[in-house]
């Protein structure tokens, strides 16, 4: 599944990084502790988090993620939006819980990708 298909299927709001919407999603990861995400999130994953600060973009770029989804209806900082645009990293918004979206993704066959 590509990020643009994911956005369309779940009616997500694209906040930034529209240039990267053609990226392939190779798995998923949920987490809010950045050190855990840096150590364990698989390359090409879609990351579900409640965080909205600038450091999430750095972590996503480091792990070569497909996109970040900010869950729970939270809003990212303006500098986060700007940095995601610069990196062509899709930054998406979901109004409900990460648990809800993760369950829906799993049913579609988007599971946790193996870590390298």
N, C-alpha and C. Protein backbone atom coordinates (compact mmCIF):
# COMPACT_ATOMS: atom_id res chain seq x y z
N UNK A 1 0.84 -1.17 0.00
CA UNK A 1 0.00 0.00 0.00
C UNK A 1 0.90 1.25 0.00
N UNK A 2 0.53 2.22 -0.76
CA UNK A 2 1.26 3.50 -0.81
C UNK A 2 0.59 4.49 0.14
N UNK A 3 1.35 5.49 0.55
CA UNK A 3 0.85 6.47 1.51
C UNK A 3 -0.40 7.16 0.96
N UNK A 4 -0.40 7.52 -0.33
CA UNK A 4 -1.57 8.20 -0.89
C UNK A 4 -2.82 7.32 -0.84
N UNK A 5 -2.67 6.02 -1.02
CA UNK A 5 -3.81 5.10 -0.91
C UNK A 5 -4.30 5.03 0.54
N UNK A 6 -3.37 5.00 1.46
CA UNK A 6 -3.67 4.99 2.89
C UNK A 6 -4.45 6.24 3.29
N UNK A 7 -3.98 7.39 2.81
CA UNK A 7 -4.65 8.67 3.10
C UNK A 7 -6.08 8.65 2.59
N UNK A 8 -6.24 8.20 1.35
CA UNK A 8 -7.56 8.18 0.74
C UNK A 8 -8.49 7.18 1.44
N UNK A 9 -7.98 6.00 1.73
CA UNK A 9 -8.80 4.94 2.34
C UNK A 9 -9.33 5.36 3.71
N UNK A 10 -8.49 6.02 4.52
CA UNK A 10 -8.88 6.40 5.87
C UNK A 10 -9.27 7.87 6.01
N UNK A 11 -9.30 8.59 4.88
CA UNK A 11 -9.69 9.99 4.88
C UNK A 11 -8.85 10.80 5.87
N UNK A 12 -7.54 10.61 5.79
CA UNK A 12 -6.61 11.31 6.67
C UNK A 12 -6.35 12.72 6.14
N UNK A 13 -6.01 13.61 7.04
CA UNK A 13 -5.64 14.96 6.65
C UNK A 13 -4.13 14.99 6.40
N UNK A 14 -3.73 15.48 5.24
CA UNK A 14 -2.31 15.65 4.92
C UNK A 14 -1.91 17.03 5.41
N UNK A 15 -0.98 17.06 6.37
CA UNK A 15 -0.53 18.32 6.96
C UNK A 15 0.71 18.84 6.26
N UNK A 16 1.58 17.92 5.82
CA UNK A 16 2.84 18.30 5.18
C UNK A 16 3.36 17.12 4.36
N UNK A 17 4.37 17.41 3.54
CA UNK A 17 5.08 16.36 2.83
C UNK A 17 4.33 15.73 1.68
N UNK A 18 3.51 16.50 1.00
CA UNK A 18 2.73 15.94 -0.11
C UNK A 18 3.60 15.32 -1.20
N UNK A 19 4.85 15.79 -1.31
CA UNK A 19 5.76 15.27 -2.33
C UNK A 19 6.13 13.81 -2.07
N UNK A 20 5.92 13.31 -0.85
CA UNK A 20 6.28 11.94 -0.51
C UNK A 20 5.11 10.98 -0.45
N UNK A 21 3.96 11.39 -0.94
CA UNK A 21 2.77 10.54 -0.82
C UNK A 21 2.82 9.27 -1.65
N UNK A 22 3.79 9.15 -2.55
CA UNK A 22 3.90 7.93 -3.35
C UNK A 22 4.77 6.87 -2.68
N UNK A 23 5.25 7.13 -1.47
CA UNK A 23 6.09 6.15 -0.76
C UNK A 23 5.30 4.88 -0.43
N UNK A 24 6.01 3.78 -0.45
CA UNK A 24 5.41 2.49 -0.12
C UNK A 24 5.45 2.27 1.39
N UNK A 25 4.34 1.79 1.94
CA UNK A 25 4.27 1.45 3.36
C UNK A 25 4.63 -0.03 3.48
N UNK A 26 5.69 -0.31 4.24
CA UNK A 26 6.16 -1.69 4.39
C UNK A 26 5.87 -2.27 5.77
N UNK A 27 5.15 -1.54 6.58
CA UNK A 27 4.82 -2.01 7.92
C UNK A 27 4.36 -0.84 8.76
N UNK A 28 4.16 -1.11 10.03
CA UNK A 28 3.70 -0.06 10.92
C UNK A 28 4.41 -0.11 12.26
N UNK A 29 4.36 1.02 12.97
CA UNK A 29 4.94 1.10 14.30
C UNK A 29 4.17 2.13 15.10
N UNK A 30 3.86 1.78 16.34
CA UNK A 30 3.20 2.69 17.27
C UNK A 30 4.14 2.96 18.42
N UNK A 31 4.28 4.23 18.78
CA UNK A 31 5.12 4.54 19.92
C UNK A 31 5.29 6.03 20.09
N UNK A 32 5.51 6.42 21.34
CA UNK A 32 5.69 7.83 21.66
C UNK A 32 7.03 8.11 22.34
N UNK A 33 7.73 7.06 22.72
CA UNK A 33 9.05 7.21 23.33
C UNK A 33 10.08 7.21 22.20
N UNK A 34 10.66 8.36 21.93
CA UNK A 34 11.51 8.50 20.75
C UNK A 34 12.69 7.54 20.73
N UNK A 35 13.28 7.28 21.87
CA UNK A 35 14.42 6.34 21.90
C UNK A 35 13.97 4.94 21.48
N UNK A 36 12.78 4.54 21.86
CA UNK A 36 12.25 3.23 21.45
C UNK A 36 12.01 3.21 19.95
N UNK A 37 11.42 4.27 19.43
CA UNK A 37 11.13 4.33 17.99
C UNK A 37 12.42 4.31 17.19
N UNK A 38 13.42 5.08 17.63
CA UNK A 38 14.72 5.10 16.92
C UNK A 38 15.37 3.72 16.92
N UNK A 39 15.21 2.98 17.98
CA UNK A 39 15.86 1.68 18.08
C UNK A 39 15.08 0.57 17.38
N UNK A 40 13.77 0.70 17.25
CA UNK A 40 12.96 -0.44 16.84
C UNK A 40 12.05 -0.26 15.64
N UNK A 41 11.78 0.95 15.22
CA UNK A 41 10.86 1.13 14.09
C UNK A 41 11.52 0.65 12.80
N UNK A 42 10.82 -0.15 12.02
CA UNK A 42 11.41 -0.66 10.78
C UNK A 42 11.43 0.38 9.67
N UNK A 43 12.39 0.28 8.79
CA UNK A 43 12.49 1.13 7.62
C UNK A 43 11.22 0.96 6.79
N UNK A 44 10.71 2.06 6.28
CA UNK A 44 9.53 2.01 5.41
C UNK A 44 8.20 1.92 6.14
N UNK A 45 8.24 2.06 7.45
CA UNK A 45 7.00 1.93 8.21
C UNK A 45 6.20 3.22 8.22
N UNK A 46 4.97 3.09 8.63
CA UNK A 46 4.14 4.24 8.94
C UNK A 46 4.09 4.29 10.46
N UNK A 47 4.40 5.45 11.02
CA UNK A 47 4.56 5.61 12.47
C UNK A 47 3.35 6.34 13.03
N UNK A 48 2.68 5.71 13.98
CA UNK A 48 1.54 6.31 14.67
C UNK A 48 2.01 6.84 16.01
N UNK A 49 1.78 8.13 16.27
CA UNK A 49 2.26 8.77 17.50
C UNK A 49 1.33 9.91 17.89
N UNK A 50 1.41 10.29 19.17
CA UNK A 50 0.70 11.50 19.62
C UNK A 50 1.63 12.70 19.63
N UNK A 51 2.91 12.48 19.39
CA UNK A 51 3.89 13.55 19.43
C UNK A 51 3.71 14.49 18.22
N UNK A 52 4.00 15.78 18.43
CA UNK A 52 3.87 16.73 17.33
C UNK A 52 5.01 17.72 17.26
N UNK A 53 6.11 17.42 17.94
CA UNK A 53 7.25 18.34 17.97
C UNK A 53 8.27 17.98 16.89
N UNK A 54 9.21 18.87 16.70
CA UNK A 54 10.19 18.77 15.62
C UNK A 54 10.98 17.47 15.62
N UNK A 55 11.26 16.90 16.76
CA UNK A 55 12.09 15.69 16.83
C UNK A 55 11.48 14.49 16.13
N UNK A 56 10.17 14.47 15.95
CA UNK A 56 9.56 13.31 15.27
C UNK A 56 10.02 13.24 13.82
N UNK A 57 10.22 14.39 13.19
CA UNK A 57 10.69 14.39 11.80
C UNK A 57 12.10 13.84 11.72
N UNK A 58 12.95 14.25 12.66
CA UNK A 58 14.32 13.74 12.67
C UNK A 58 14.35 12.23 12.83
N UNK A 59 13.53 11.70 13.72
CA UNK A 59 13.48 10.25 13.94
C UNK A 59 12.96 9.55 12.69
N UNK A 60 11.93 10.08 12.07
CA UNK A 60 11.36 9.46 10.87
C UNK A 60 12.36 9.46 9.71
N UNK A 61 13.10 10.52 9.56
CA UNK A 61 14.12 10.59 8.50
C UNK A 61 15.23 9.59 8.80
N UNK A 62 15.67 9.54 10.04
CA UNK A 62 16.72 8.60 10.45
C UNK A 62 16.32 7.16 10.15
N UNK A 63 15.08 6.81 10.40
CA UNK A 63 14.59 5.44 10.20
C UNK A 63 14.00 5.23 8.81
N UNK A 64 14.08 6.22 7.95
CA UNK A 64 13.58 6.12 6.57
C UNK A 64 12.13 5.66 6.52
N UNK A 65 11.30 6.31 7.30
CA UNK A 65 9.88 5.94 7.39
C UNK A 65 9.11 6.42 6.17
N UNK A 66 7.98 5.77 5.93
CA UNK A 66 7.10 6.17 4.83
C UNK A 66 6.31 7.42 5.20
N UNK A 67 5.87 7.52 6.46
CA UNK A 67 5.06 8.66 6.89
C UNK A 67 4.90 8.63 8.40
N UNK A 68 4.46 9.76 8.93
CA UNK A 68 4.09 9.88 10.34
C UNK A 68 2.61 10.21 10.40
N UNK A 69 1.89 9.55 11.30
CA UNK A 69 0.49 9.89 11.55
C UNK A 69 0.39 10.37 12.99
N UNK A 70 -0.03 11.61 13.15
CA UNK A 70 -0.28 12.15 14.48
C UNK A 70 -1.72 11.81 14.83
N UNK A 71 -1.89 11.06 15.90
CA UNK A 71 -3.20 10.53 16.26
C UNK A 71 -3.85 11.34 17.38
N UNK A 72 -5.08 10.98 17.67
CA UNK A 72 -5.80 11.60 18.78
C UNK A 72 -6.22 13.03 18.51
N UNK A 73 -6.21 13.45 17.25
CA UNK A 73 -6.62 14.80 16.90
C UNK A 73 -5.64 15.88 17.30
N UNK A 74 -4.46 15.49 17.70
CA UNK A 74 -3.45 16.48 18.12
C UNK A 74 -2.88 17.22 16.91
N UNK A 75 -2.32 18.40 17.18
CA UNK A 75 -1.76 19.25 16.13
C UNK A 75 -0.24 19.32 16.27
N UNK A 76 0.49 19.26 15.16
CA UNK A 76 1.95 19.42 15.22
C UNK A 76 2.33 20.89 15.34
N UNK A 77 3.54 21.13 15.85
CA UNK A 77 4.10 22.47 15.88
C UNK A 77 4.32 22.95 14.45
N UNK A 78 4.31 24.26 14.24
CA UNK A 78 4.52 24.83 12.91
C UNK A 78 5.90 24.47 12.35
N UNK A 79 6.93 24.49 13.21
CA UNK A 79 8.26 24.14 12.72
C UNK A 79 8.34 22.66 12.31
N UNK A 80 7.54 21.82 12.93
CA UNK A 80 7.46 20.41 12.55
C UNK A 80 6.88 20.27 11.15
N UNK A 81 5.83 21.02 10.88
CA UNK A 81 5.21 21.02 9.55
C UNK A 81 6.20 21.49 8.50
N UNK A 82 6.90 22.56 8.78
CA UNK A 82 7.88 23.08 7.84
C UNK A 82 9.00 22.09 7.56
N UNK A 83 9.51 21.45 8.60
CA UNK A 83 10.60 20.48 8.43
C UNK A 83 10.13 19.26 7.65
N UNK A 84 8.92 18.78 7.94
CA UNK A 84 8.37 17.63 7.20
C UNK A 84 8.25 17.97 5.72
N UNK A 85 7.82 19.19 5.40
CA UNK A 85 7.75 19.62 4.01
C UNK A 85 9.13 19.63 3.37
N UNK A 86 10.13 20.15 4.08
CA UNK A 86 11.49 20.19 3.55
C UNK A 86 12.02 18.79 3.26
N UNK A 87 11.66 17.84 4.10
CA UNK A 87 12.14 16.46 3.96
C UNK A 87 11.25 15.60 3.05
N UNK A 88 10.17 16.20 2.54
CA UNK A 88 9.21 15.47 1.70
C UNK A 88 8.64 14.27 2.45
N UNK A 89 8.47 14.44 3.75
CA UNK A 89 7.97 13.38 4.63
C UNK A 89 6.49 13.61 4.90
N UNK A 90 5.62 12.71 4.44
CA UNK A 90 4.22 12.89 4.72
C UNK A 90 3.93 12.93 6.24
N UNK A 91 3.27 13.98 6.64
CA UNK A 91 2.83 14.17 8.01
C UNK A 91 1.32 14.21 7.95
N UNK A 92 0.70 13.23 8.59
CA UNK A 92 -0.74 13.02 8.47
C UNK A 92 -1.42 13.17 9.82
N UNK A 93 -2.73 13.39 9.79
CA UNK A 93 -3.48 13.56 11.04
C UNK A 93 -4.68 12.62 11.05
N UNK A 94 -4.87 11.96 12.20
CA UNK A 94 -5.98 11.03 12.43
C UNK A 94 -6.71 11.50 13.69
N UNK A 95 -8.03 11.67 13.65
CA UNK A 95 -8.74 12.24 14.80
C UNK A 95 -8.96 11.28 15.96
N UNK A 96 -8.76 10.00 15.73
CA UNK A 96 -9.04 9.01 16.77
C UNK A 96 -7.74 8.44 17.34
N UNK A 97 -7.85 7.42 18.15
CA UNK A 97 -6.68 6.86 18.84
C UNK A 97 -5.78 6.07 17.89
N UNK A 98 -4.52 5.96 18.29
CA UNK A 98 -3.57 5.13 17.56
C UNK A 98 -4.02 3.67 17.58
N UNK A 99 -4.57 3.24 18.68
CA UNK A 99 -5.07 1.87 18.82
C UNK A 99 -6.11 1.58 17.73
N UNK A 100 -7.03 2.49 17.53
CA UNK A 100 -8.07 2.32 16.53
C UNK A 100 -7.48 2.20 15.13
N UNK A 101 -6.57 3.09 14.78
CA UNK A 101 -5.99 3.06 13.44
C UNK A 101 -5.09 1.84 13.24
N UNK A 102 -4.34 1.48 14.27
CA UNK A 102 -3.47 0.30 14.17
C UNK A 102 -4.30 -0.96 13.91
N UNK A 103 -5.41 -1.08 14.58
CA UNK A 103 -6.29 -2.23 14.37
C UNK A 103 -6.82 -2.29 12.95
N UNK A 104 -7.22 -1.16 12.44
CA UNK A 104 -7.73 -1.11 11.08
C UNK A 104 -6.64 -1.44 10.05
N UNK A 105 -5.43 -0.96 10.29
CA UNK A 105 -4.32 -1.27 9.40
C UNK A 105 -4.00 -2.76 9.42
N UNK A 106 -4.01 -3.33 10.59
CA UNK A 106 -3.71 -4.75 10.73
C UNK A 106 -4.72 -5.61 9.94
N UNK A 107 -5.98 -5.25 10.02
CA UNK A 107 -7.02 -5.97 9.29
C UNK A 107 -6.77 -5.89 7.78
N UNK A 108 -6.22 -4.77 7.32
CA UNK A 108 -5.90 -4.62 5.90
C UNK A 108 -4.64 -5.36 5.48
N UNK A 109 -3.93 -5.92 6.44
CA UNK A 109 -2.71 -6.66 6.12
C UNK A 109 -1.43 -5.88 6.29
N UNK A 110 -1.53 -4.67 6.86
CA UNK A 110 -0.33 -3.88 7.15
C UNK A 110 0.07 -4.21 8.57
N UNK A 111 0.99 -5.13 8.72
CA UNK A 111 1.45 -5.55 10.04
C UNK A 111 2.80 -4.92 10.35
N UNK A 112 3.35 -5.34 11.45
CA UNK A 112 4.68 -4.87 11.82
C UNK A 112 5.70 -5.47 10.88
N UNK A 113 6.51 -4.62 10.30
CA UNK A 113 7.57 -5.10 9.41
C UNK A 113 8.72 -5.62 10.27
N UNK A 114 9.43 -6.64 9.81
CA UNK A 114 10.58 -7.12 10.59
C UNK A 114 11.67 -6.06 10.66
N UNK A 115 12.30 -5.95 11.80
CA UNK A 115 13.39 -4.98 11.93
C UNK A 115 14.63 -5.55 11.25
N UNK A 116 15.46 -4.66 10.68
CA UNK A 116 16.64 -5.14 9.94
C UNK A 116 17.67 -5.76 10.85
